[in-house]
Amino acid sequence: MSLNEFAPIDRLVLKHAREAFVSQSRCDAEWRALQFTAAPDFTRAVQQYDAFLAAVTRANPRVDLLPNDERVGLDSIYVRDASIATPRGMVLCRMGKPAREGEPVVQGGQFRPLGIPVVGVIQPPGAIEGGDVVWFDDRTVAVGRGYRTNDEGIRQFSALLGHSVDVVTVPLPHYRGPSDVFHLMSIVSPVDRDLAVVYSPLMPVPFREWLIGRGVTLVEVSAKEFDSMGANVLAVAPRQCVMVRGNPGTKAALERAGAVVHEYEGSEISLKGGGGPTCLTRPISRRG
């Protein structure tokens, strides 16, 4: 098993919009409290997720689809945030967004019958969300310190990893404040060992220099396309990418760098809830 964000995905956990959103009435009832920009259209969300599912499974990874659970809400479609893959198994997070606090325990319970080991749980007052965790290789992981992930969460996560893994803490900006959906993966998406999509205006200088020092070429996202989730790109294999449709500049830059890009319509499943393709997926293992 390889721990990074770009090797071919071997096993993948997803939660279909049908199971996360459940119905139009549930979308209408929950979206404001969860700080979506508008209520998702349930029928369109299901259609969009079907297309997204086809895009992320082109290489035929093993896919486990999580069932509906009434203890969690619309945000549970963003399966990345509730857990983190590690060399020994999954760590269950403690969410920085209070409305999502039930997701880790529910996801952990769903992992067990699938044979996915859980090796740790982040305890209060620690907080960490999977969208703030970016693996670059088996011994190097970056963690964003922001409103969703605090110092104690990073400390507990580091202790679970042990001394064999170098944890790089990346201070995140205030940007739009505590209520915004902002993770480390909002501004950096590795798509190969030496290629990453980034939004530099919100990137700490030391972290940007660290990436360049590792020999990573940066595909820069414009301000316009940052707002339409151009910096949130999922690599299903090296330079094989999935991204939200509507970011032509970023797509063209990736293609110039030798990447193959598959797009999906994400108005209901990504843009309204602030979760792009990395957020919608919880890779369990990658090959190579």
C-alpha atoms as a PDB file:
ATOM      1  CA  MET A   1       0.000   0.000   0.000  1.00  0.00           C
ATOM      2  CA  SER A   2       1.238   3.482  -0.857  1.00  0.00           C
ATOM      3  CA  LEU A   3       0.360   6.572   1.149  1.00  0.00           C
ATOM      4  CA  ASN A   4       0.147   9.569  -1.144  1.00  0.00           C
ATOM      5  CA  GLU A   5      -2.544  11.440  -3.056  1.00  0.00           C
ATOM      6  CA  PHE A   6      -1.635  10.345  -6.602  1.00  0.00           C
ATOM      7  CA  ALA A   7      -0.802   6.621  -6.912  1.00  0.00           C
ATOM      8  CA  PRO A   8      -3.526   4.445  -8.523  1.00  0.00           C
ATOM      9  CA  ILE A   9      -6.451   4.085  -6.139  1.00  0.00           C
ATOM     10  CA  ASP A  10      -6.815   0.468  -5.058  1.00  0.00           C
ATOM     11  CA  ARG A  11      -9.753   0.788  -2.665  1.00  0.00           C
ATOM     12  CA  LEU A  12     -12.176   3.655  -2.257  1.00  0.00           C
ATOM     13  CA  VAL A  13     -15.008   4.503   0.135  1.00  0.00           C
ATOM     14  CA  LEU A  14     -17.817   6.709  -1.151  1.00  0.00           C
ATOM     15  CA  LYS A  15     -21.282   7.772  -0.072  1.00  0.00           C
ATOM     16  CA  HIS A  16     -23.746   8.281  -2.889  1.00  0.00           C
ATOM     17  CA  ALA A  17     -25.891  11.413  -2.898  1.00  0.00           C
ATOM     18  CA  ARG A  18     -28.891   9.100  -2.718  1.00  0.00           C
ATOM     19  CA  GLU A  19     -27.772   7.912   0.727  1.00  0.00           C
ATOM     20  CA  ALA A  20     -26.376  11.219   2.038  1.00  0.00           C
ATOM     21  CA  PHE A  21     -29.123  13.568   0.829  1.00  0.00           C
ATOM     22  CA  VAL A  22     -31.975  10.989   1.088  1.00  0.00           C
ATOM     23  CA  SER A  23     -34.748  13.199  -0.302  1.00  0.00           C
ATOM     24  CA  GLN A  24     -35.606  16.700  -1.450  1.00  0.00           C
ATOM     25  CA  SER A  25     -37.406  17.366   1.806  1.00  0.00           C
ATOM     26  CA  ARG A  26     -34.266  16.548   3.777  1.00  0.00           C
ATOM     27  CA  CYS A  27     -32.160  18.811   1.557  1.00  0.00           C
ATOM     28  CA  ASP A  28     -34.671  21.613   2.072  1.00  0.00           C
ATOM     29  CA  ALA A  29     -34.677  21.099   5.842  1.00  0.00           C
ATOM     30  CA  GLU A  30     -30.911  20.919   6.458  1.00  0.00           C
ATOM     31  CA  TRP A  31     -29.029  23.091   4.003  1.00  0.00           C
ATOM     32  CA  ARG A  32     -29.142  26.364   5.943  1.00  0.00           C
ATOM     33  CA  ALA A  33     -27.939  24.901   9.239  1.00  0.00           C
ATOM     34  CA  LEU A  34     -25.075  23.168   7.426  1.00  0.00           C
ATOM     35  CA  GLN A  35     -24.120  26.407   5.648  1.00  0.00           C
ATOM     36  CA  PHE A  36     -24.675  25.142   2.113  1.00  0.00           C
ATOM     37  CA  THR A  37     -25.097  28.031  -0.318  1.00  0.00           C
ATOM     38  CA  ALA A  38     -28.522  26.695  -1.381  1.00  0.00           C
ATOM     39  CA  ALA A  39     -30.617  23.557  -1.090  1.00  0.00           C
ATOM     40  CA  PRO A  40     -29.315  20.804  -3.387  1.00  0.00           C
ATOM     41  CA  ASP A  41     -31.729  19.592  -6.040  1.00  0.00           C
ATOM     42  CA  PHE A  42     -32.030  15.940  -5.021  1.00  0.00           C
ATOM     43  CA  THR A  43     -32.798  14.518  -8.459  1.00  0.00           C
ATOM     44  CA  ARG A  44     -29.944  16.408 -10.107  1.00  0.00           C
ATOM     45  CA  ALA A  45     -27.603  15.493  -7.241  1.00  0.00           C
ATOM     46  CA  VAL A  46     -28.242  11.789  -7.802  1.00  0.00           C
ATOM     47  CA  GLN A  47     -27.620  12.188 -11.535  1.00  0.00           C
ATOM     48  CA  GLN A  48     -24.432  14.153 -10.941  1.00  0.00           C
ATOM     49  CA  TYR A  49     -23.176  11.590  -8.458  1.00  0.00           C
ATOM     50  CA  ASP A  50     -23.739   8.763 -10.916  1.00  0.00           C
ATOM     51  CA  ALA A  51     -21.528  10.609 -13.414  1.00  0.00           C
ATOM     52  CA  PHE A  52     -18.939  11.366 -10.719  1.00  0.00           C
ATOM     53  CA  LEU A  53     -18.906   7.697  -9.703  1.00  0.00           C
ATOM     54  CA  ALA A  54     -18.216   6.676 -13.289  1.00  0.00           C
ATOM     55  CA  ALA A  55     -15.325   9.154 -13.502  1.00  0.00           C
ATOM     56  CA  VAL A  56     -13.566   8.045 -10.314  1.00  0.00           C
ATOM     57  CA  THR A  57     -13.917   4.320 -11.001  1.00  0.00           C
ATOM     58  CA  ARG A  58     -12.457   4.242 -14.527  1.00  0.00           C
ATOM     59  CA  ALA A  59      -9.469   2.270 -13.256  1.00  0.00           C
ATOM     60  CA  ASN A  60     -11.752  -0.245 -11.474  1.00  0.00           C
ATOM     61  CA  PRO A  61     -10.746   0.190  -7.829  1.00  0.00           C
ATOM     62  CA  ARG A  62     -12.647  -1.709  -5.188  1.00  0.00           C
ATOM     63  CA  VAL A  63     -15.485   0.628  -4.179  1.00  0.00           C
ATOM     64  CA  ASP A  64     -17.427   0.438  -0.916  1.00  0.00           C
ATOM     65  CA  LEU A  65     -20.581   2.575  -0.839  1.00  0.00           C
ATOM     66  CA  LEU A  66     -21.628   3.638   2.647  1.00  0.00           C
ATOM     67  CA  PRO A  67     -25.311   3.335   3.577  1.00  0.00           C
ATOM     68  CA  ASN A  68     -27.675   6.002   4.834  1.00  0.00           C
ATOM     69  CA  ASP A  69     -27.596   6.650   8.565  1.00  0.00           C
ATOM     70  CA  GLU A  70     -30.082   9.004  10.202  1.00  0.00           C
ATOM     71  CA  ARG A  71     -27.476  10.155  12.733  1.00  0.00           C
ATOM     72  CA  VAL A  72     -25.631  12.167  10.074  1.00  0.00           C
ATOM     73  CA  GLY A  73     -26.726  14.738   7.522  1.00  0.00           C
ATOM     74  CA  LEU A  74     -26.050  16.132   4.069  1.00  0.00           C
ATOM     75  CA  ASP A  75     -22.363  16.770   4.819  1.00  0.00           C
ATOM     76  CA  SER A  76     -21.748  13.031   5.184  1.00  0.00           C
ATOM     77  CA  ILE A  77     -21.441  12.890   1.389  1.00  0.00           C
ATOM     78  CA  TYR A  78     -17.968  14.398   1.952  1.00  0.00           C
ATOM     79  CA  VAL A  79     -16.488  11.171   3.286  1.00  0.00           C
ATOM     80  CA  ARG A  80     -12.854  12.364   3.272  1.00  0.00           C
ATOM     81  CA  ASP A  81     -13.281  14.537   6.358  1.00  0.00           C
ATOM     82  CA  ALA A  82     -14.371  11.980   8.960  1.00  0.00           C
ATOM     83  CA  SER A  83     -11.298   9.730   8.765  1.00  0.00           C
ATOM     84  CA  ILE A  84      -7.644   9.612   7.740  1.00  0.00           C
ATOM     85  CA  ALA A  85      -5.724   6.742   6.160  1.00  0.00           C
ATOM     86  CA  THR A  86      -2.447   5.845   7.923  1.00  0.00           C
ATOM     87  CA  PRO A  87       0.144   3.061   7.500  1.00  0.00           C
ATOM     88  CA  ARG A  88      -1.645   0.847  10.046  1.00  0.00           C
ATOM     89  CA  GLY A  89      -5.273   1.661   9.268  1.00  0.00           C
ATOM     90  CA  MET A  90      -7.816   4.432   9.668  1.00  0.00           C
ATOM     91  CA  VAL A  91      -7.848   7.193  12.260  1.00  0.00           C
ATOM     92  CA  LEU A  92     -11.299   8.534  13.095  1.00  0.00           C
ATOM     93  CA  CYS A  93     -11.325  12.313  13.223  1.00  0.00           C
ATOM     94  CA  ARG A  94     -12.986  14.754  15.577  1.00  0.00           C
ATOM     95  CA  MET A  95     -14.721  17.326  13.430  1.00  0.00           C
ATOM     96  CA  GLY A  96     -14.020  21.024  13.664  1.00  0.00           C
ATOM     97  CA  LYS A  97     -17.537  21.729  12.370  1.00  0.00           C
ATOM     98  CA  PRO A  98     -19.895  20.958  15.275  1.00  0.00           C
ATOM     99  CA  ALA A  99     -22.795  19.990  12.995  1.00  0.00           C
ATOM    100  CA  ARG A 100     -20.668  17.111  11.699  1.00  0.00           C
ATOM    101  CA  GLU A 101     -19.558  15.738  15.066  1.00  0.00           C
ATOM    102  CA  GLY A 102     -21.424  12.429  14.634  1.00  0.00           C
ATOM    103  CA  GLU A 103     -19.802  11.469  11.335  1.00  0.00           C
ATOM    104  CA  PRO A 104     -16.562   9.817  12.547  1.00  0.00           C
ATOM    105  CA  VAL A 105     -18.229   7.309  14.868  1.00  0.00           C
ATOM    106  CA  VAL A 106     -20.841   6.444  12.239  1.00  0.00           C
ATOM    107  CA  GLN A 107     -18.195   6.021   9.553  1.00  0.00           C
ATOM    108  CA  GLY A 108     -16.059   3.921  11.888  1.00  0.00           C
ATOM    109  CA  GLY A 109     -18.995   1.629  12.556  1.00  0.00           C
ATOM    110  CA  GLN A 110     -19.514   1.246   8.818  1.00  0.00           C
ATOM    111  CA  PHE A 111     -15.826   0.434   8.293  1.00  0.00           C
ATOM    112  CA  ARG A 112     -15.843  -2.588  10.602  1.00  0.00           C
ATOM    113  CA  PRO A 113     -18.059  -4.931   8.543  1.00  0.00           C
ATOM    114  CA  LEU A 114     -16.017  -3.941   5.488  1.00  0.00           C
ATOM    115  CA  GLY A 115     -12.839  -5.192   7.160  1.00  0.00           C
ATOM    116  CA  ILE A 116     -11.279  -1.722   7.261  1.00  0.00           C
ATOM    117  CA  PRO A 117      -9.232  -1.439  10.478  1.00  0.00           C
ATOM    118  CA  VAL A 118      -9.601   1.546  12.787  1.00  0.00           C
ATOM    119  CA  VAL A 119      -6.406   2.176  14.748  1.00  0.00           C
ATOM    120  CA  GLY A 120      -7.148   5.416  16.555  1.00  0.00           C
ATOM    121  CA  VAL A 121      -9.696   8.079  17.443  1.00  0.00           C
ATOM    122  CA  ILE A 122      -8.984  11.778  17.985  1.00  0.00           C
ATOM    123  CA  GLN A 123     -10.253  12.814  21.429  1.00  0.00           C
ATOM    124  CA  PRO A 124     -11.459  16.209  22.756  1.00  0.00           C
ATOM    125  CA  PRO A 125     -10.216  18.880  22.818  1.00  0.00           C
ATOM    126  CA  GLY A 126      -8.407  17.772  19.688  1.00  0.00           C
ATOM    127  CA  ALA A 127      -9.967  18.431  16.302  1.00  0.00           C
ATOM    128  CA  ILE A 128      -8.817  17.329  12.868  1.00  0.00           C
ATOM    129  CA  GLU A 129     -10.600  16.807   9.551  1.00  0.00           C
ATOM    130  CA  GLY A 130      -9.422  14.648   6.680  1.00  0.00           C
ATOM    131  CA  GLY A 131      -9.537  17.519   4.213  1.00  0.00           C
ATOM    132  CA  ASP A 132      -6.642  19.108   6.110  1.00  0.00           C
ATOM    133  CA  VAL A 133      -4.388  16.044   5.679  1.00  0.00           C
ATOM    134  CA  VAL A 134      -2.268  15.574   2.540  1.00  0.00           C
ATOM    135  CA  TRP A 135       0.125  12.635   2.157  1.00  0.00           C
ATOM    136  CA  PHE A 136       3.118  13.256  -0.113  1.00  0.00           C
ATOM    137  CA  ASP A 137       4.830   9.912   0.458  1.00  0.00           C
ATOM    138  CA  ASP A 138       4.799   7.112   3.021  1.00  0.00           C
ATOM    139  CA  ARG A 139       6.902   9.129   5.461  1.00  0.00           C
ATOM    140  CA  THR A 140       5.663  12.669   4.825  1.00  0.00           C
ATOM    141  CA  VAL A 141       2.246  14.145   5.570  1.00  0.00           C
ATOM    142  CA  ALA A 142       1.188  17.805   5.642  1.00  0.00           C
ATOM    143  CA  VAL A 143      -1.589  18.922   7.993  1.00  0.00           C
ATOM    144  CA  GLY A 144      -3.366  22.264   7.751  1.00  0.00           C
ATOM    145  CA  ARG A 145      -3.801  24.136  11.035  1.00  0.00           C
ATOM    146  CA  GLY A 146      -6.950  26.173  10.660  1.00  0.00           C
ATOM    147  CA  TYR A 147     -10.472  26.445  12.017  1.00  0.00           C
ATOM    148  CA  ARG A 148     -11.253  22.745  11.360  1.00  0.00           C
ATOM    149  CA  THR A 149      -7.997  21.300  12.707  1.00  0.00           C
ATOM    150  CA  ASN A 150      -6.337  22.487  15.912  1.00  0.00           C
ATOM    151  CA  ASP A 151      -2.924  21.991  17.533  1.00  0.00           C
ATOM    152  CA  GLU A 152      -4.154  19.254  19.870  1.00  0.00           C
ATOM    153  CA  GLY A 153      -5.671  17.339  16.967  1.00  0.00           C
ATOM    154  CA  ILE A 154      -2.363  17.503  15.125  1.00  0.00           C
ATOM    155  CA  ARG A 155      -0.507  16.394  18.259  1.00  0.00           C
ATOM    156  CA  GLN A 156      -2.738  13.342  18.719  1.00  0.00           C
ATOM    157  CA  PHE A 157      -2.535  12.451  15.045  1.00  0.00           C
ATOM    158  CA  SER A 158       1.265  12.742  15.120  1.00  0.00           C
ATOM    159  CA  ALA A 159       1.417  10.494  18.193  1.00  0.00           C
ATOM    160  CA  LEU A 160      -0.674   7.843  16.427  1.00  0.00           C
ATOM    161  CA  LEU A 161       1.678   7.952  13.439  1.00  0.00           C
ATOM    162  CA  GLY A 162       4.823   7.629  15.525  1.00  0.00           C
ATOM    163  CA  HIS A 163       8.347   8.777  14.763  1.00  0.00           C
ATOM    164  CA  SER A 164       8.547   7.148  11.321  1.00  0.00           C
ATOM    165  CA  VAL A 165       6.366   9.839   9.705  1.00  0.00           C
ATOM    166  CA  ASP A 166       7.322  13.494   9.318  1.00  0.00           C
ATOM    167  CA  VAL A 167       4.299  15.722  10.011  1.00  0.00           C
ATOM    168  CA  VAL A 168       4.528  19.137   8.338  1.00  0.00           C
ATOM    169  CA  THR A 169       2.157  21.626   9.981  1.00  0.00           C
ATOM    170  CA  VAL A 170       0.809  24.248   7.571  1.00  0.00           C
ATOM    171  CA  PRO A 171      -0.782  27.363   9.162  1.00  0.00           C
ATOM    172  CA  LEU A 172      -3.907  28.290   7.227  1.00  0.00           C
ATOM    173  CA  PRO A 173      -5.258  31.833   6.722  1.00  0.00           C
ATOM    174  CA  HIS A 174      -8.392  33.271   8.293  1.00  0.00           C
ATOM    175  CA  TYR A 175      -9.789  33.854   4.773  1.00  0.00           C
ATOM    176  CA  ARG A 176     -13.615  33.893   5.139  1.00  0.00           C
ATOM    177  CA  GLY A 177     -13.651  32.928   8.786  1.00  0.00           C
ATOM    178  CA  PRO A 178     -14.660  29.981  10.984  1.00  0.00           C
ATOM    179  CA  SER A 179     -17.926  29.262   9.167  1.00  0.00           C
ATOM    180  CA  ASP A 180     -16.301  28.799   5.761  1.00  0.00           C
ATOM    181  CA  VAL A 181     -15.401  25.430   4.256  1.00  0.00           C
ATOM    182  CA  PHE A 182     -11.631  25.803   4.055  1.00  0.00           C
ATOM    183  CA  HIS A 183      -9.122  22.971   4.296  1.00  0.00           C
ATOM    184  CA  LEU A 184      -5.522  22.467   3.241  1.00  0.00           C
ATOM    185  CA  MET A 185      -6.879  20.546   0.241  1.00  0.00           C
ATOM    186  CA  SER A 186      -8.738  23.715  -0.769  1.00  0.00           C
ATOM    187  CA  ILE A 187      -5.390  25.135  -1.881  1.00  0.00           C
ATOM    188  CA  VAL A 188      -3.234  22.134  -2.842  1.00  0.00           C
ATOM    189  CA  SER A 189      -4.007  18.939  -4.754  1.00  0.00           C
ATOM    190  CA  PRO A 190      -1.067  16.668  -5.628  1.00  0.00           C
ATOM    191  CA  VAL A 191      -1.679  14.926  -8.961  1.00  0.00           C
ATOM    192  CA  ASP A 192       1.721  13.250  -9.301  1.00  0.00           C
ATOM    193  CA  ARG A 193       4.934  12.998  -7.337  1.00  0.00           C
ATOM    194  CA  ASP A 194       6.234  16.136  -9.052  1.00  0.00           C
ATOM    195  CA  LEU A 195       3.008  17.992  -9.929  1.00  0.00           C
ATOM    196  CA  ALA A 196       0.368  19.738  -7.807  1.00  0.00           C
ATOM    197  CA  VAL A 197      -2.526  22.106  -8.409  1.00  0.00           C
ATOM    198  CA  VAL A 198      -2.298  25.090  -6.062  1.00  0.00           C
ATOM    199  CA  TYR A 199      -3.896  28.409  -5.226  1.00  0.00           C
ATOM    200  CA  SER A 200      -0.842  30.424  -4.204  1.00  0.00           C
ATOM    201  CA  PRO A 201      -2.550  33.618  -2.920  1.00  0.00           C
ATOM    202  CA  LEU A 202      -3.762  31.684   0.161  1.00  0.00           C
ATOM    203  CA  MET A 203      -0.698  29.475   0.513  1.00  0.00           C
ATOM    204  CA  PRO A 204       1.845  30.128   3.304  1.00  0.00           C
ATOM    205  CA  VAL A 205       5.207  31.062   1.796  1.00  0.00           C
ATOM    206  CA  PRO A 206       7.211  28.414   3.726  1.00  0.00           C
ATOM    207  CA  PHE A 207       4.858  25.652   2.545  1.00  0.00           C
ATOM    208  CA  ARG A 208       4.987  26.836  -1.066  1.00  0.00           C
ATOM    209  CA  GLU A 209       8.783  26.927  -0.865  1.00  0.00           C
ATOM    210  CA  TRP A 210       8.746  23.463   0.704  1.00  0.00           C
ATOM    211  CA  LEU A 211       6.768  22.088  -2.255  1.00  0.00           C
ATOM    212  CA  ILE A 212       9.120  23.672  -4.763  1.00  0.00           C
ATOM    213  CA  GLY A 213      12.081  22.344  -2.784  1.00  0.00           C
ATOM    214  CA  ARG A 214      10.679  18.832  -3.203  1.00  0.00           C
ATOM    215  CA  GLY A 215      10.762  19.309  -6.960  1.00  0.00           C
ATOM    216  CA  VAL A 216       7.006  19.804  -7.322  1.00  0.00           C
ATOM    217  CA  THR A 217       5.857  21.828 -10.338  1.00  0.00           C
ATOM    218  CA  LEU A 218       2.922  24.047  -9.401  1.00  0.00           C
ATOM    219  CA  VAL A 219      -0.156  24.394 -11.608  1.00  0.00           C
ATOM    220  CA  GLU A 220      -1.488  27.794 -10.564  1.00  0.00           C
ATOM    221  CA  VAL A 221      -5.243  28.349 -10.255  1.00  0.00           C
ATOM    222  CA  SER A 222      -6.750  31.772 -10.965  1.00  0.00           C
ATOM    223  CA  ALA A 223      -8.890  33.645  -8.425  1.00  0.00           C
ATOM    224  CA  LYS A 224     -11.997  33.075 -10.564  1.00  0.00           C
ATOM    225  CA  GLU A 225     -11.418  29.342 -10.765  1.00  0.00           C
ATOM    226  CA  PHE A 226     -10.512  29.045  -7.099  1.00  0.00           C
ATOM    227  CA  ASP A 227     -14.086  30.076  -6.314  1.00  0.00           C
ATOM    228  CA  SER A 228     -15.373  27.318  -8.625  1.00  0.00           C
ATOM    229  CA  MET A 229     -13.153  24.696  -6.914  1.00  0.00           C
ATOM    230  CA  GLY A 230     -10.406  24.613  -9.537  1.00  0.00           C
ATOM    231  CA  ALA A 231      -7.795  23.851  -6.879  1.00  0.00           C
ATOM    232  CA  ASN A 232      -9.655  20.770  -5.635  1.00  0.00           C
ATOM    233  CA  VAL A 233      -8.520  18.004  -7.989  1.00  0.00           C
ATOM    234  CA  LEU A 234      -8.572  14.258  -7.335  1.00  0.00           C
ATOM    235  CA  ALA A 235      -5.830  12.102  -8.814  1.00  0.00           C
ATOM    236  CA  VAL A 236      -7.124   8.570  -9.400  1.00  0.00           C
ATOM    237  CA  ALA A 237      -3.652   7.662 -10.726  1.00  0.00           C
ATOM    238  CA  PRO A 238      -0.558   9.734 -11.587  1.00  0.00           C
ATOM    239  CA  ARG A 239      -1.659  12.599 -13.851  1.00  0.00           C
ATOM    240  CA  GLN A 240      -5.127  11.018 -14.187  1.00  0.00           C
ATOM    241  CA  CYS A 241      -7.436  13.638 -12.681  1.00  0.00           C
ATOM    242  CA  VAL A 242     -11.069  14.290 -11.844  1.00  0.00           C
ATOM    243  CA  MET A 243     -12.293  17.856 -11.325  1.00  0.00           C
ATOM    244  CA  VAL A 244     -15.481  19.921 -11.264  1.00  0.00           C
ATOM    245  CA  ARG A 245     -16.563  21.145 -14.701  1.00  0.00           C
ATOM    246  CA  GLY A 246     -16.227  24.894 -15.189  1.00  0.00           C
ATOM    247  CA  ASN A 247     -12.502  25.442 -14.654  1.00  0.00           C
ATOM    248  CA  PRO A 248     -11.142  25.583 -18.219  1.00  0.00           C
ATOM    249  CA  GLY A 249      -7.925  27.427 -17.370  1.00  0.00           C
ATOM    250  CA  THR A 250      -6.876  24.906 -14.740  1.00  0.00           C
ATOM    251  CA  LYS A 251      -7.897  22.010 -16.965  1.00  0.00           C
ATOM    252  CA  ALA A 252      -5.806  23.360 -19.846  1.00  0.00           C
ATOM    253  CA  ALA A 253      -2.795  23.906 -17.576  1.00  0.00           C
ATOM    254  CA  LEU A 254      -3.044  20.329 -16.302  1.00  0.00           C
ATOM    255  CA  GLU A 255      -3.246  19.014 -19.849  1.00  0.00           C
ATOM    256  CA  ARG A 256      -0.161  21.016 -20.815  1.00  0.00           C
ATOM    257  CA  ALA A 257       1.606  19.284 -17.935  1.00  0.00           C
ATOM    258  CA  GLY A 258       0.680  15.912 -19.402  1.00  0.00           C
ATOM    259  CA  ALA A 259      -2.386  15.147 -17.305  1.00  0.00           C
ATOM    260  CA  VAL A 260      -5.616  13.559 -18.484  1.00  0.00           C
ATOM    261  CA  VAL A 261      -8.597  15.354 -16.972  1.00  0.00           C
ATOM    262  CA  HIS A 262     -12.122  14.005 -16.504  1.00  0.00           C
ATOM    263  CA  GLU A 263     -14.801  16.508 -15.508  1.00  0.00           C
ATOM    264  CA  TYR A 264     -18.159  16.150 -13.795  1.00  0.00           C
ATOM    265  CA  GLU A 265     -21.041  18.528 -13.225  1.00  0.00           C
ATOM    266  CA  GLY A 266     -20.871  19.490  -9.571  1.00  0.00           C
ATOM    267  CA  SER A 267     -23.452  22.193  -8.940  1.00  0.00           C
ATOM    268  CA  GLU A 268     -25.460  20.072  -6.484  1.00  0.00           C
ATOM    269  CA  ILE A 269     -22.894  17.684  -4.998  1.00  0.00           C
ATOM    270  CA  SER A 270     -19.852  19.971  -4.863  1.00  0.00           C
ATOM    271  CA  LEU A 271     -20.444  23.700  -5.244  1.00  0.00           C
ATOM    272  CA  LYS A 272     -23.441  24.123  -2.937  1.00  0.00           C
ATOM    273  CA  GLY A 273     -21.794  22.204  -0.098  1.00  0.00           C
ATOM    274  CA  GLY A 274     -18.224  23.349  -0.708  1.00  0.00           C
ATOM    275  CA  GLY A 275     -16.792  19.872  -1.325  1.00  0.00           C
ATOM    276  CA  GLY A 276     -14.911  18.958  -4.479  1.00  0.00           C
ATOM    277  CA  PRO A 277     -13.799  15.537  -5.719  1.00  0.00           C
ATOM    278  CA  THR A 278     -11.176  15.018  -3.014  1.00  0.00           C
ATOM    279  CA  CYS A 279     -13.821  15.738  -0.368  1.00  0.00           C
ATOM    280  CA  LEU A 280     -16.265  13.274  -1.956  1.00  0.00           C
ATOM    281  CA  THR A 281     -13.776  10.391  -1.744  1.00  0.00           C
ATOM    282  CA  ARG A 282     -12.027   8.490   1.039  1.00  0.00           C
ATOM    283  CA  PRO A 283      -9.221   6.487  -0.580  1.00  0.00           C
ATOM    284  CA  ILE A 284      -8.376   3.556   1.694  1.00  0.00           C
ATOM    285  CA  SER A 285      -5.333   2.331  -0.211  1.00  0.00           C
ATOM    286  CA  ARG A 286      -3.317   3.149  -3.319  1.00  0.00           C
ATOM    287  CA  ARG A 287      -0.934   0.971  -5.341  1.00  0.00           C
ATOM    288  CA  GLY A 288       2.723   1.697  -5.969  1.00  0.00           C
END
